[in-house]
Each structure stands twice: as structure tokens, then as C-alpha cells.
């Protein structure tokens, strides 16, 4: 997995589904390009800067709002994927 992550360069506006913070282990391997902003999400955030988002419900974002969406290690925890793939 880490070898695959090393090939990904983060650029633009990024939606990160579930990592909660850039301290997540996957960020050690992802290459950082020209990042405008990263929106971190969690179903039950403890940090006020993390957006509350249940990926089993409709997303509160506009179409094409993000250049990249990260969902590393997320889908093993999701039952209903129908909204998750309509990003």
C-alpha cells in the first residue's frame, strides 16, 4: 500500500474522507504538490476544524468542488456506499 501511496501527488483542493488530520500515517507517503486546502472529515469529529460528514448520507458539497478525494482505509467501515461514489 505504501508503494502505491508514494505515487500519488496531492494537488489543488482535497477532500479527505475519514483521516481527520494530516498526522494520519498515510500522509507520510503521499507526495505534496500544490495544495490549496485539505478538508478533513469524520462522522464524529472531536476537532472543530474537522467537518462532520457521514459518508452514508448525501454530501453537503457542490459538484466539482474538489480536485481530489482521498478515502484511504475508509470503505471497510462503510455499509451503504451509494453516496460515497457520487462525489
Protein backbone atom coordinates (compact mmCIF):
# COMPACT_ATOMS: atom_id res chain seq x y z
CA UNK A 1 0.00 0.00 0.00
CA UNK A 2 2.77 2.45 0.88
CA UNK A 3 4.40 1.95 -2.53
CA UNK A 4 1.13 2.94 -4.19
CA UNK A 5 0.69 5.98 -1.94
CA UNK A 6 4.18 7.22 -2.85
CA UNK A 7 3.00 7.60 -6.45
CA UNK A 8 0.13 9.95 -5.52
CA UNK A 9 0.82 13.67 -5.57
CA UNK A 10 -1.67 15.87 -3.76
CA UNK A 11 -2.69 18.99 -5.68
CA UNK A 12 -5.48 21.56 -5.53
CA UNK A 13 -8.44 21.37 -3.19
CA UNK A 14 -8.64 17.99 -1.47
CA UNK A 15 -11.45 16.24 0.40
CA UNK A 16 -10.09 13.67 2.83
CA UNK A 17 -12.79 11.25 3.95
CA UNK A 18 -12.00 9.99 7.41
CA UNK A 19 -8.33 10.77 8.12
CA UNK A 20 -9.25 13.63 10.49
CA UNK A 21 -5.75 15.13 10.29
CA UNK A 22 -2.58 15.30 8.25
CA UNK A 23 -0.98 13.28 11.07
CA UNK A 24 -2.65 10.13 9.70
CA UNK A 25 0.00 7.56 8.76
CA UNK A 26 -0.84 7.68 5.03
CA UNK A 27 0.38 11.29 4.81
CA UNK A 28 3.97 10.14 5.39
CA UNK A 29 3.89 8.52 1.95
CA UNK A 30 1.75 10.88 -0.13
CA UNK A 31 3.71 13.46 -2.09
CA UNK A 32 2.66 17.05 -1.53
CA UNK A 33 2.36 19.21 -4.64
CA UNK A 34 0.48 22.50 -4.90
CA UNK A 35 -2.18 22.06 -2.23
CA UNK A 36 -4.76 24.86 -1.94
CA UNK A 37 -6.54 23.30 1.04
CA UNK A 38 -7.44 19.97 2.57
CA UNK A 39 -10.88 19.44 4.10
CA UNK A 40 -10.69 16.69 6.71
CA UNK A 41 -13.88 14.85 7.63
CA UNK A 42 -15.13 12.44 10.26
CA UNK A 43 -18.51 11.06 11.25
CA UNK A 44 -17.95 12.16 14.86
CA UNK A 45 -15.27 14.86 14.83
CA UNK A 46 -13.64 15.91 18.07
CA UNK A 47 -11.69 18.75 16.46
CA UNK A 48 -13.76 21.82 15.41
CA UNK A 49 -11.69 22.12 12.22
CA UNK A 50 -12.78 18.66 11.04
CA UNK A 51 -16.02 18.69 9.04
CA UNK A 52 -18.77 16.40 10.32
CA UNK A 53 -19.63 14.06 7.46
CA UNK A 54 -21.42 10.74 7.35
CA UNK A 55 -20.39 9.14 4.05
CA UNK A 56 -23.56 7.02 4.12
CA UNK A 57 -25.61 10.20 3.62
CA UNK A 58 -25.68 12.82 0.88
CA UNK A 59 -22.58 15.02 0.86
CA UNK A 60 -23.00 18.75 1.65
CA UNK A 61 -20.53 19.86 -1.04
CA UNK A 62 -21.04 21.29 -4.53
CA UNK A 63 -20.26 19.27 -7.65
CA UNK A 64 -16.66 19.65 -8.76
CA UNK A 65 -15.72 21.49 -5.55
CA UNK A 66 -12.66 19.27 -5.07
CA UNK A 67 -9.75 18.37 -7.31
CA UNK A 68 -9.01 15.18 -5.38
CA UNK A 69 -10.83 12.95 -2.91
CA UNK A 70 -8.94 10.65 -0.55
CA UNK A 71 -10.66 7.68 1.05
CA UNK A 72 -7.75 5.64 2.36
CA UNK A 73 -8.86 2.74 4.59
CA UNK A 74 -12.42 4.15 4.69
CA UNK A 75 -14.60 1.73 2.75
CA UNK A 76 -14.01 -1.26 5.02
CA UNK A 77 -16.09 0.67 7.58
CA UNK A 78 -18.98 1.67 5.29
CA UNK A 79 -22.15 -0.34 4.72
CA UNK A 80 -24.06 1.88 2.26
CA UNK A 81 -21.69 3.18 -0.46
CA UNK A 82 -24.27 4.85 -2.73
CA UNK A 83 -23.41 8.45 -1.74
CA UNK A 84 -19.69 7.79 -1.41
CA UNK A 85 -19.32 7.11 -5.13
CA UNK A 86 -21.35 10.14 -6.28
CA UNK A 87 -18.59 12.61 -5.40
